[in-house]
C-alpha atoms as a PDB file:
ATOM      1  CA  UNK A   1      -9.889 -14.126 -21.439  1.00  0.00           C
ATOM      2  CA  UNK A   2      -8.601 -10.755 -19.825  1.00  0.00           C
ATOM      3  CA  UNK A   3      -8.808 -10.359 -16.010  1.00  0.00           C
ATOM      4  CA  UNK A   4     -11.432  -7.457 -16.287  1.00  0.00           C
ATOM      5  CA  UNK A   5     -13.597 -10.195 -17.999  1.00  0.00           C
ATOM      6  CA  UNK A   6     -12.566 -12.818 -15.214  1.00  0.00           C
ATOM      7  CA  UNK A   7     -13.478 -10.037 -12.554  1.00  0.00           C
ATOM      8  CA  UNK A   8     -16.763  -8.856 -13.864  1.00  0.00           C
ATOM      9  CA  UNK A   9     -18.318 -12.571 -13.871  1.00  0.00           C
ATOM     10  CA  UNK A  10     -17.926 -12.821 -10.576  1.00  0.00           C
ATOM     11  CA  UNK A  11     -20.725 -11.316  -7.750  1.00  0.00           C
ATOM     12  CA  UNK A  12     -20.419  -7.881  -7.032  1.00  0.00           C
ATOM     13  CA  UNK A  13     -18.819  -8.078  -3.684  1.00  0.00           C
ATOM     14  CA  UNK A  14     -16.030 -10.553  -4.414  1.00  0.00           C
ATOM     15  CA  UNK A  15     -15.627  -8.625  -7.784  1.00  0.00           C
ATOM     16  CA  UNK A  16     -15.230  -5.516  -5.857  1.00  0.00           C
ATOM     17  CA  UNK A  17     -12.469  -6.966  -3.410  1.00  0.00           C
ATOM     18  CA  UNK A  18     -10.303  -8.666  -6.408  1.00  0.00           C
ATOM     19  CA  UNK A  19     -10.429  -5.359  -8.124  1.00  0.00           C
ATOM     20  CA  UNK A  20      -8.908  -3.664  -5.340  1.00  0.00           C
ATOM     21  CA  UNK A  21      -6.554  -6.410  -5.145  1.00  0.00           C
ATOM     22  CA  UNK A  22      -5.363  -6.129  -8.640  1.00  0.00           C
ATOM     23  CA  UNK A  23      -5.030  -2.229  -8.372  1.00  0.00           C
ATOM     24  CA  UNK A  24      -2.943  -2.839  -5.139  1.00  0.00           C
ATOM     25  CA  UNK A  25      -0.706  -5.237  -6.885  1.00  0.00           C
ATOM     26  CA  UNK A  26      -0.462  -3.417 -10.100  1.00  0.00           C
ATOM     27  CA  UNK A  27       0.867  -0.412  -8.387  1.00  0.00           C
ATOM     28  CA  UNK A  28       3.494  -2.290  -6.325  1.00  0.00           C
ATOM     29  CA  UNK A  29       4.866  -4.205  -9.165  1.00  0.00           C
ATOM     30  CA  UNK A  30       4.226  -1.790 -12.153  1.00  0.00           C
ATOM     31  CA  UNK A  31       2.338  -4.348 -14.107  1.00  0.00           C
ATOM     32  CA  UNK A  32      -0.749  -3.059 -16.206  1.00  0.00           C
ATOM     33  CA  UNK A  33      -3.735  -2.248 -14.109  1.00  0.00           C
ATOM     34  CA  UNK A  34      -7.117  -3.067 -14.784  1.00  0.00           C
ATOM     35  CA  UNK A  35      -7.919   0.222 -15.842  1.00  0.00           C
ATOM     36  CA  UNK A  36      -5.474  -0.008 -18.638  1.00  0.00           C
ATOM     37  CA  UNK A  37      -7.542  -2.887 -20.062  1.00  0.00           C
ATOM     38  CA  UNK A  38     -10.926  -0.827 -20.888  1.00  0.00           C
ATOM     39  CA  UNK A  39     -11.480   0.269 -24.189  1.00  0.00           C
ATOM     40  CA  UNK A  40     -14.125   2.694 -24.051  1.00  0.00           C
ATOM     41  CA  UNK A  41     -15.693   4.851 -21.708  1.00  0.00           C
ATOM     42  CA  UNK A  42     -18.850   4.215 -19.845  1.00  0.00           C
ATOM     43  CA  UNK A  43     -22.248   5.254 -20.597  1.00  0.00           C
ATOM     44  CA  UNK A  44     -24.235   8.262 -18.999  1.00  0.00           C
ATOM     45  CA  UNK A  45     -23.217  11.716 -18.064  1.00  0.00           C
ATOM     46  CA  UNK A  46     -19.511  13.132 -17.201  1.00  0.00           C
ATOM     47  CA  UNK A  47     -18.601  12.363 -13.940  1.00  0.00           C
ATOM     48  CA  UNK A  48     -15.376  13.098 -12.205  1.00  0.00           C
ATOM     49  CA  UNK A  49     -14.680  10.954  -9.039  1.00  0.00           C
ATOM     50  CA  UNK A  50     -11.902  11.057  -6.727  1.00  0.00           C
ATOM     51  CA  UNK A  51      -8.514  12.713  -7.047  1.00  0.00           C
ATOM     52  CA  UNK A  52      -6.068  13.161  -9.864  1.00  0.00           C
ATOM     53  CA  UNK A  53      -4.236  10.277  -8.406  1.00  0.00           C
ATOM     54  CA  UNK A  54      -6.563   8.331  -7.254  1.00  0.00           C
ATOM     55  CA  UNK A  55      -9.848   8.688  -8.954  1.00  0.00           C
ATOM     56  CA  UNK A  56     -11.439   7.856 -12.415  1.00  0.00           C
ATOM     57  CA  UNK A  57     -14.056   9.314 -14.619  1.00  0.00           C
ATOM     58  CA  UNK A  58     -17.505   8.287 -15.815  1.00  0.00           C
ATOM     59  CA  UNK A  59     -19.095   9.134 -19.265  1.00  0.00           C
ATOM     60  CA  UNK A  60     -15.747  10.599 -20.526  1.00  0.00           C
ATOM     61  CA  UNK A  61     -15.505  12.157 -23.973  1.00  0.00           C
ATOM     62  CA  UNK A  62     -12.710  11.300 -26.623  1.00  0.00           C
ATOM     63  CA  UNK A  63     -10.572  14.146 -27.813  1.00  0.00           C
ATOM     64  CA  UNK A  64     -10.513  14.402 -31.689  1.00  0.00           C
ATOM     65  CA  UNK A  65      -7.127  13.055 -33.225  1.00  0.00           C
ATOM     66  CA  UNK A  66      -7.122  16.711 -34.821  1.00  0.00           C
ATOM     67  CA  UNK A  67      -8.607  20.135 -34.417  1.00  0.00           C
ATOM     68  CA  UNK A  68      -8.029  23.643 -35.335  1.00  0.00           C
ATOM     69  CA  UNK A  69      -4.443  24.252 -33.838  1.00  0.00           C
ATOM     70  CA  UNK A  70      -3.737  21.330 -32.276  1.00  0.00           C
ATOM     71  CA  UNK A  71      -2.992  17.285 -32.940  1.00  0.00           C
ATOM     72  CA  UNK A  72      -3.251  14.486 -30.327  1.00  0.00           C
ATOM     73  CA  UNK A  73      -0.197  12.548 -30.078  1.00  0.00           C
ATOM     74  CA  UNK A  74       0.531   8.712 -29.149  1.00  0.00           C
ATOM     75  CA  UNK A  75      -3.011   7.525 -29.784  1.00  0.00           C
ATOM     76  CA  UNK A  76      -2.010   4.036 -29.394  1.00  0.00           C
ATOM     77  CA  UNK A  77      -1.972   4.632 -25.935  1.00  0.00           C
ATOM     78  CA  UNK A  78      -5.467   5.116 -25.505  1.00  0.00           C
ATOM     79  CA  UNK A  79      -5.284   7.679 -23.262  1.00  0.00           C
ATOM     80  CA  UNK A  80      -7.052  10.724 -25.005  1.00  0.00           C
ATOM     81  CA  UNK A  81     -10.169  10.755 -22.827  1.00  0.00           C
ATOM     82  CA  UNK A  82     -11.349  13.410 -20.622  1.00  0.00           C
ATOM     83  CA  UNK A  83     -14.156  15.723 -18.980  1.00  0.00           C
ATOM     84  CA  UNK A  84     -15.803  17.912 -21.404  1.00  0.00           C
ATOM     85  CA  UNK A  85     -14.392  20.771 -19.663  1.00  0.00           C
ATOM     86  CA  UNK A  86     -10.899  19.461 -20.504  1.00  0.00           C
ATOM     87  CA  UNK A  87     -11.408  18.743 -24.346  1.00  0.00           C
ATOM     88  CA  UNK A  88     -12.865  22.529 -24.204  1.00  0.00           C
ATOM     89  CA  UNK A  89      -9.571  23.864 -22.840  1.00  0.00           C
ATOM     90  CA  UNK A  90      -7.473  21.627 -25.375  1.00  0.00           C
ATOM     91  CA  UNK A  91      -9.775  23.580 -28.136  1.00  0.00           C
ATOM     92  CA  UNK A  92      -9.165  26.767 -26.757  1.00  0.00           C
ATOM     93  CA  UNK A  93      -5.211  25.882 -26.611  1.00  0.00           C
ATOM     94  CA  UNK A  94      -5.676  25.135 -30.376  1.00  0.00           C
ATOM     95  CA  UNK A  95      -7.457  28.335 -31.674  1.00  0.00           C
ATOM     96  CA  UNK A  96      -5.261  30.168 -29.873  1.00  0.00           C
ATOM     97  CA  UNK A  97      -2.429  28.674 -31.314  1.00  0.00           C
ATOM     98  CA  UNK A  98      -3.776  29.110 -34.731  1.00  0.00           C
ATOM     99  CA  UNK A  99      -4.099  32.691 -33.855  1.00  0.00           C
ATOM    100  CA  UNK A 100      -0.228  32.968 -33.372  1.00  0.00           C
ATOM    101  CA  UNK A 101       0.994  31.091 -36.687  1.00  0.00           C
ATOM    102  CA  UNK A 102       0.789  28.009 -39.033  1.00  0.00           C
ATOM    103  CA  UNK A 103       2.531  25.549 -36.435  1.00  0.00           C
ATOM    104  CA  UNK A 104       0.413  22.793 -34.315  1.00  0.00           C
ATOM    105  CA  UNK A 105       0.675  22.107 -30.560  1.00  0.00           C
ATOM    106  CA  UNK A 106       1.021  18.728 -29.923  1.00  0.00           C
ATOM    107  CA  UNK A 107      -1.357  17.314 -27.242  1.00  0.00           C
ATOM    108  CA  UNK A 108      -0.009  13.915 -25.107  1.00  0.00           C
ATOM    109  CA  UNK A 109      -1.557  11.964 -22.616  1.00  0.00           C
ATOM    110  CA  UNK A 110      -5.089  12.963 -20.789  1.00  0.00           C
ATOM    111  CA  UNK A 111      -6.902  10.110 -19.113  1.00  0.00           C
ATOM    112  CA  UNK A 112      -8.135   6.096 -20.011  1.00  0.00           C
ATOM    113  CA  UNK A 113     -11.235   5.371 -21.355  1.00  0.00           C
ATOM    114  CA  UNK A 114     -12.532   5.666 -17.649  1.00  0.00           C
ATOM    115  CA  UNK A 115      -9.497   7.165 -15.895  1.00  0.00           C
ATOM    116  CA  UNK A 116      -8.140   5.268 -13.074  1.00  0.00           C
ATOM    117  CA  UNK A 117      -4.221   4.143 -12.553  1.00  0.00           C
ATOM    118  CA  UNK A 118      -1.885   3.929 -15.502  1.00  0.00           C
ATOM    119  CA  UNK A 119       0.423   1.087 -16.104  1.00  0.00           C
ATOM    120  CA  UNK A 120       3.295   3.582 -16.900  1.00  0.00           C
ATOM    121  CA  UNK A 121       4.348   7.440 -16.980  1.00  0.00           C
ATOM    122  CA  UNK A 122       1.807   9.163 -14.695  1.00  0.00           C
ATOM    123  CA  UNK A 123       0.800   8.611 -11.261  1.00  0.00           C
ATOM    124  CA  UNK A 124      -1.990  11.611 -11.881  1.00  0.00           C
ATOM    125  CA  UNK A 125      -4.109  11.998 -15.045  1.00  0.00           C
ATOM    126  CA  UNK A 126      -6.671   9.603 -13.176  1.00  0.00           C
ATOM    127  CA  UNK A 127      -9.868  11.236 -13.266  1.00  0.00           C
ATOM    128  CA  UNK A 128     -10.022  13.236 -16.531  1.00  0.00           C
ATOM    129  CA  UNK A 129      -8.747  16.678 -15.446  1.00  0.00           C
ATOM    130  CA  UNK A 130      -5.161  16.318 -16.675  1.00  0.00           C
ATOM    131  CA  UNK A 131      -3.208  16.779 -20.068  1.00  0.00           C
ATOM    132  CA  UNK A 132       0.224  17.019 -21.116  1.00  0.00           C
ATOM    133  CA  UNK A 133       1.012  19.541 -23.796  1.00  0.00           C
ATOM    134  CA  UNK A 134       4.461  19.421 -25.623  1.00  0.00           C
ATOM    135  CA  UNK A 135       6.636  22.820 -25.863  1.00  0.00           C
ATOM    136  CA  UNK A 136       7.800  21.963 -29.401  1.00  0.00           C
ATOM    137  CA  UNK A 137       5.429  22.897 -31.855  1.00  0.00           C
ATOM    138  CA  UNK A 138       4.702  20.854 -35.052  1.00  0.00           C
ATOM    139  CA  UNK A 139       4.480  21.881 -38.867  1.00  0.00           C
ATOM    140  CA  UNK A 140       1.723  19.393 -39.535  1.00  0.00           C
ATOM    141  CA  UNK A 141      -0.192  16.495 -37.702  1.00  0.00           C
ATOM    142  CA  UNK A 142       1.795  14.377 -40.132  1.00  0.00           C
ATOM    143  CA  UNK A 143       5.185  15.892 -38.783  1.00  0.00           C
ATOM    144  CA  UNK A 144       3.879  15.575 -34.895  1.00  0.00           C
ATOM    145  CA  UNK A 145       2.921  12.182 -35.981  1.00  0.00           C
ATOM    146  CA  UNK A 146       6.500  11.246 -37.157  1.00  0.00           C
ATOM    147  CA  UNK A 147       8.006  12.975 -34.394  1.00  0.00           C
ATOM    148  CA  UNK A 148       6.202  11.113 -31.424  1.00  0.00           C
ATOM    149  CA  UNK A 149       4.506   7.914 -32.538  1.00  0.00           C
ATOM    150  CA  UNK A 150       8.169   6.330 -32.850  1.00  0.00           C
ATOM    151  CA  UNK A 151       8.337   6.530 -28.965  1.00  0.00           C
ATOM    152  CA  UNK A 152      11.057   9.692 -29.161  1.00  0.00           C
ATOM    153  CA  UNK A 153      10.736  12.615 -27.111  1.00  0.00           C
ATOM    154  CA  UNK A 154      11.224  16.398 -28.350  1.00  0.00           C
ATOM    155  CA  UNK A 155      14.010  18.250 -27.467  1.00  0.00           C
ATOM    156  CA  UNK A 156      14.403  19.527 -23.958  1.00  0.00           C
ATOM    157  CA  UNK A 157      13.936  23.195 -23.326  1.00  0.00           C
ATOM    158  CA  UNK A 158      16.495  23.126 -20.205  1.00  0.00           C
ATOM    159  CA  UNK A 159      20.354  23.036 -20.392  1.00  0.00           C
ATOM    160  CA  UNK A 160      22.351  20.207 -18.678  1.00  0.00           C
ATOM    161  CA  UNK A 161      22.527  20.749 -15.038  1.00  0.00           C
ATOM    162  CA  UNK A 162      18.887  22.321 -15.007  1.00  0.00           C
ATOM    163  CA  UNK A 163      19.309  25.503 -13.717  1.00  0.00           C
ATOM    164  CA  UNK A 164      18.599  27.406 -16.802  1.00  0.00           C
ATOM    165  CA  UNK A 165      16.568  27.255 -20.126  1.00  0.00           C
ATOM    166  CA  UNK A 166      18.248  25.994 -23.418  1.00  0.00           C
ATOM    167  CA  UNK A 167      18.316  27.492 -26.963  1.00  0.00           C
ATOM    168  CA  UNK A 168      15.320  26.158 -27.647  1.00  0.00           C
ATOM    169  CA  UNK A 169      13.048  28.000 -25.503  1.00  0.00           C
ATOM    170  CA  UNK A 170      11.939  31.111 -27.083  1.00  0.00           C
ATOM    171  CA  UNK A 171       8.818  33.371 -27.510  1.00  0.00           C
ATOM    172  CA  UNK A 172       6.449  30.671 -28.600  1.00  0.00           C
ATOM    173  CA  UNK A 173       6.965  28.315 -25.558  1.00  0.00           C
ATOM    174  CA  UNK A 174       6.609  31.330 -23.102  1.00  0.00           C
ATOM    175  CA  UNK A 175       2.973  32.100 -25.336  1.00  0.00           C
ATOM    176  CA  UNK A 176       1.920  28.712 -25.179  1.00  0.00           C
ATOM    177  CA  UNK A 177       2.153  28.232 -21.442  1.00  0.00           C
ATOM    178  CA  UNK A 178       1.401  31.924 -20.305  1.00  0.00           C
ATOM    179  CA  UNK A 179      -2.053  31.319 -22.523  1.00  0.00           C
ATOM    180  CA  UNK A 180      -2.588  27.895 -20.797  1.00  0.00           C
ATOM    181  CA  UNK A 181      -1.953  29.586 -17.188  1.00  0.00           C
ATOM    182  CA  UNK A 182      -4.426  32.522 -18.071  1.00  0.00           C
ATOM    183  CA  UNK A 183      -7.586  29.688 -18.941  1.00  0.00           C
ATOM    184  CA  UNK A 184     -10.137  30.418 -16.146  1.00  0.00           C
ATOM    185  CA  UNK A 185     -10.388  26.451 -15.591  1.00  0.00           C
ATOM    186  CA  UNK A 186      -6.985  25.729 -15.368  1.00  0.00           C
ATOM    187  CA  UNK A 187      -5.872  25.327 -11.522  1.00  0.00           C
ATOM    188  CA  UNK A 188      -2.377  24.685 -11.933  1.00  0.00           C
ATOM    189  CA  UNK A 189       0.629  23.777 -14.299  1.00  0.00           C
ATOM    190  CA  UNK A 190       3.812  21.619 -13.706  1.00  0.00           C
ATOM    191  CA  UNK A 191       6.934  22.565 -15.630  1.00  0.00           C
ATOM    192  CA  UNK A 192      10.570  22.281 -14.929  1.00  0.00           C
ATOM    193  CA  UNK A 193      12.256  24.783 -12.303  1.00  0.00           C
ATOM    194  CA  UNK A 194      14.318  26.301 -14.677  1.00  0.00           C
ATOM    195  CA  UNK A 195      11.327  26.858 -17.317  1.00  0.00           C
ATOM    196  CA  UNK A 196       9.520  28.493 -13.936  1.00  0.00           C
ATOM    197  CA  UNK A 197      12.536  31.043 -13.477  1.00  0.00           C
ATOM    198  CA  UNK A 198      12.694  31.695 -17.380  1.00  0.00           C
ATOM    199  CA  UNK A 199       8.682  32.566 -16.922  1.00  0.00           C
ATOM    200  CA  UNK A 200       9.447  34.870 -13.979  1.00  0.00           C
ATOM    201  CA  UNK A 201      12.213  37.087 -15.224  1.00  0.00           C
ATOM    202  CA  UNK A 202      10.676  37.759 -18.707  1.00  0.00           C
ATOM    203  CA  UNK A 203       6.885  38.452 -17.493  1.00  0.00           C
ATOM    204  CA  UNK A 204       7.332  42.013 -16.068  1.00  0.00           C
ATOM    205  CA  UNK A 205       6.259  43.517 -13.542  1.00  0.00           C
ATOM    206  CA  UNK A 206       2.299  44.246 -13.941  1.00  0.00           C
ATOM    207  CA  UNK A 207      -0.392  41.202 -14.249  1.00  0.00           C
ATOM    208  CA  UNK A 208       1.783  38.295 -12.658  1.00  0.00           C
ATOM    209  CA  UNK A 209      -1.102  36.549 -11.037  1.00  0.00           C
ATOM    210  CA  UNK A 210      -1.017  33.778 -13.602  1.00  0.00           C
ATOM    211  CA  UNK A 211       2.468  32.688 -12.734  1.00  0.00           C
ATOM    212  CA  UNK A 212       1.370  31.171  -8.970  1.00  0.00           C
ATOM    213  CA  UNK A 213      -0.666  28.679 -11.116  1.00  0.00           C
ATOM    214  CA  UNK A 214       3.211  27.476 -12.560  1.00  0.00           C
ATOM    215  CA  UNK A 215       4.670  24.880 -10.134  1.00  0.00           C
ATOM    216  CA  UNK A 216       7.822  23.722 -10.388  1.00  0.00           C
ATOM    217  CA  UNK A 217       8.358  19.843 -10.793  1.00  0.00           C
ATOM    218  CA  UNK A 218      10.704  17.554 -11.520  1.00  0.00           C
ATOM    219  CA  UNK A 219      11.485  16.427 -15.471  1.00  0.00           C
ATOM    220  CA  UNK A 220       8.697  18.550 -17.440  1.00  0.00           C
ATOM    221  CA  UNK A 221      11.542  19.721 -19.434  1.00  0.00           C
ATOM    222  CA  UNK A 222      10.067  19.007 -22.711  1.00  0.00           C
ATOM    223  CA  UNK A 223       6.212  19.250 -21.953  1.00  0.00           C
ATOM    224  CA  UNK A 224       4.086  20.800 -18.914  1.00  0.00           C
ATOM    225  CA  UNK A 225       1.034  19.067 -17.312  1.00  0.00           C
ATOM    226  CA  UNK A 226      -2.021  21.285 -17.315  1.00  0.00           C
ATOM    227  CA  UNK A 227      -4.423  20.503 -14.440  1.00  0.00           C
ATOM    228  CA  UNK A 228      -7.888  21.498 -14.323  1.00  0.00           C
ATOM    229  CA  UNK A 229     -10.204  22.523 -11.335  1.00  0.00           C
ATOM    230  CA  UNK A 230     -12.943  20.585 -10.250  1.00  0.00           C
ATOM    231  CA  UNK A 231     -15.782  21.095 -12.306  1.00  0.00           C
ATOM    232  CA  UNK A 232     -19.124  22.374 -11.265  1.00  0.00           C
ATOM    233  CA  UNK A 233     -21.794  19.548 -10.246  1.00  0.00           C
ATOM    234  CA  UNK A 234     -19.304  17.267  -9.667  1.00  0.00           C
ATOM    235  CA  UNK A 235     -19.582  16.329  -5.669  1.00  0.00           C
ATOM    236  CA  UNK A 236     -17.182  13.372  -5.744  1.00  0.00           C
ATOM    237  CA  UNK A 237     -14.336  15.479  -7.488  1.00  0.00           C
ATOM    238  CA  UNK A 238     -11.653  15.737  -4.864  1.00  0.00           C
ATOM    239  CA  UNK A 239      -9.910  19.467  -5.057  1.00  0.00           C
ATOM    240  CA  UNK A 240      -6.286  19.923  -4.239  1.00  0.00           C
ATOM    241  CA  UNK A 241      -5.438  22.489  -1.961  1.00  0.00           C
ATOM    242  CA  UNK A 242      -5.689  25.975  -2.921  1.00  0.00           C
ATOM    243  CA  UNK A 243      -2.210  27.523  -4.308  1.00  0.00           C
ATOM    244  CA  UNK A 244      -0.878  30.671  -2.163  1.00  0.00           C
ATOM    245  CA  UNK A 245      -1.506  34.005  -3.407  1.00  0.00           C
ATOM    246  CA  UNK A 246       2.125  34.856  -4.380  1.00  0.00           C
ATOM    247  CA  UNK A 247       3.719  34.702  -7.915  1.00  0.00           C
ATOM    248  CA  UNK A 248       6.021  31.615  -6.747  1.00  0.00           C
ATOM    249  CA  UNK A 249       9.014  33.338  -8.030  1.00  0.00           C
ATOM    250  CA  UNK A 250      10.813  33.853  -4.890  1.00  0.00           C
ATOM    251  CA  UNK A 251      12.229  31.313  -1.741  1.00  0.00           C
ATOM    252  CA  UNK A 252      10.396  28.449  -3.233  1.00  0.00           C
ATOM    253  CA  UNK A 253      11.681  28.829  -6.778  1.00  0.00           C
ATOM    254  CA  UNK A 254      15.143  29.317  -5.193  1.00  0.00           C
ATOM    255  CA  UNK A 255      14.780  25.797  -3.641  1.00  0.00           C
ATOM    256  CA  UNK A 256      14.151  24.073  -6.793  1.00  0.00           C
ATOM    257  CA  UNK A 257      16.775  25.385  -8.093  1.00  0.00           C
ATOM    258  CA  UNK A 258      19.325  24.317  -5.142  1.00  0.00           C
ATOM    259  CA  UNK A 259      21.660  21.325  -5.130  1.00  0.00           C
ATOM    260  CA  UNK A 260      19.356  19.887  -2.816  1.00  0.00           C
ATOM    261  CA  UNK A 261      16.706  19.627  -5.561  1.00  0.00           C
ATOM    262  CA  UNK A 262      18.543  18.848  -8.418  1.00  0.00           C
ATOM    263  CA  UNK A 263      20.685  16.502  -6.740  1.00  0.00           C
ATOM    264  CA  UNK A 264      18.916  14.473  -4.029  1.00  0.00           C
ATOM    265  CA  UNK A 265      20.908  12.112  -1.709  1.00  0.00           C
ATOM    266  CA  UNK A 266      20.469   8.609  -3.049  1.00  0.00           C
ATOM    267  CA  UNK A 267      20.452   7.587   0.323  1.00  0.00           C
ATOM    268  CA  UNK A 268      18.026   7.721   3.208  1.00  0.00           C
ATOM    269  CA  UNK A 269      14.844   6.745   1.145  1.00  0.00           C
ATOM    270  CA  UNK A 270      11.770   6.884   3.397  1.00  0.00           C
ATOM    271  CA  UNK A 271       9.129   3.819   3.606  1.00  0.00           C
ATOM    272  CA  UNK A 272       6.662   3.494   0.667  1.00  0.00           C
ATOM    273  CA  UNK A 273       3.331   5.145   1.447  1.00  0.00           C
ATOM    274  CA  UNK A 274       0.419   2.322   1.217  1.00  0.00           C
ATOM    275  CA  UNK A 275      -1.526   2.564  -1.466  1.00  0.00           C
ATOM    276  CA  UNK A 276      -5.065   4.973  -1.145  1.00  0.00           C
ATOM    277  CA  UNK A 277      -8.177   2.998  -1.057  1.00  0.00           C
ATOM    278  CA  UNK A 278     -10.151   3.461  -4.691  1.00  0.00           C
ATOM    279  CA  UNK A 279     -13.141   5.334  -4.237  1.00  0.00           C
ATOM    280  CA  UNK A 280     -16.341   2.588  -4.120  1.00  0.00           C
ATOM    281  CA  UNK A 281     -17.776   4.493  -6.844  1.00  0.00           C
ATOM    282  CA  UNK A 282     -14.888   3.683  -9.300  1.00  0.00           C
ATOM    283  CA  UNK A 283     -14.759   0.270  -8.266  1.00  0.00           C
ATOM    284  CA  UNK A 284     -18.490   0.043  -9.861  1.00  0.00           C
ATOM    285  CA  UNK A 285     -17.326   1.646 -12.768  1.00  0.00           C
ATOM    286  CA  UNK A 286     -14.753  -0.589 -13.514  1.00  0.00           C
ATOM    287  CA  UNK A 287     -17.330  -3.615 -13.091  1.00  0.00           C
ATOM    288  CA  UNK A 288     -20.016  -1.803 -15.079  1.00  0.00           C
ATOM    289  CA  UNK A 289     -19.802  -3.285 -18.896  1.00  0.00           C
END
């Protein structure tokens, strides 16, 4: 009997307390979370609840394994669920890629069937609005599976040292991320600072507004992380703070390429932040079988 089965056989109040405790313990120990044990989405209309790092999704849709211009990889993780707008975004990306050539974009993790905390890899991706897209393009769906499903990663787009892109970076990668950033539903995109720098240098002087959506973050040298805005009609979705109006190619980017950012000190670690309380609607969604 799984922990989820045990919890749902208890009374609602006690079950709510235990689910919260399980999530807290899982967050602290790195063990599998209750959300990872849920095999299927909940019934009902799509509903985004909470934030990307403390939330869930009801009525999620499953991304098809393949579609025009894209292939969903690492399906064994069961992390290919999201809000319908996220799936439409992936389909739009695939069609744009199809118009550029014969290769396929490789789509990584979205969310778990009901979102929530994952047992590995991500703190975000919890409310059905995040997706990872790899910079390496695949010649076919079969080639994508051979590359990714053996748990290996494509090559990095960044040179050792983290201050410039590698020879693997080129026009295809630039076009891929620019297409994503120009999509009207995209809120922000996380990518390695060296890649942001390459985009800033090679984007010309006109129509640079899309660059402000590109946010530097550690790692993210082989893939980029796309986050959509809260969909209309989802009052329980928690938005992130609005982005500034500049293109982000100035002082902020310079810091991300500094020694302080690239070689952070190992000493003086701050105390761990307390685990946020899970939205009550997510607790109910986890118990709904």
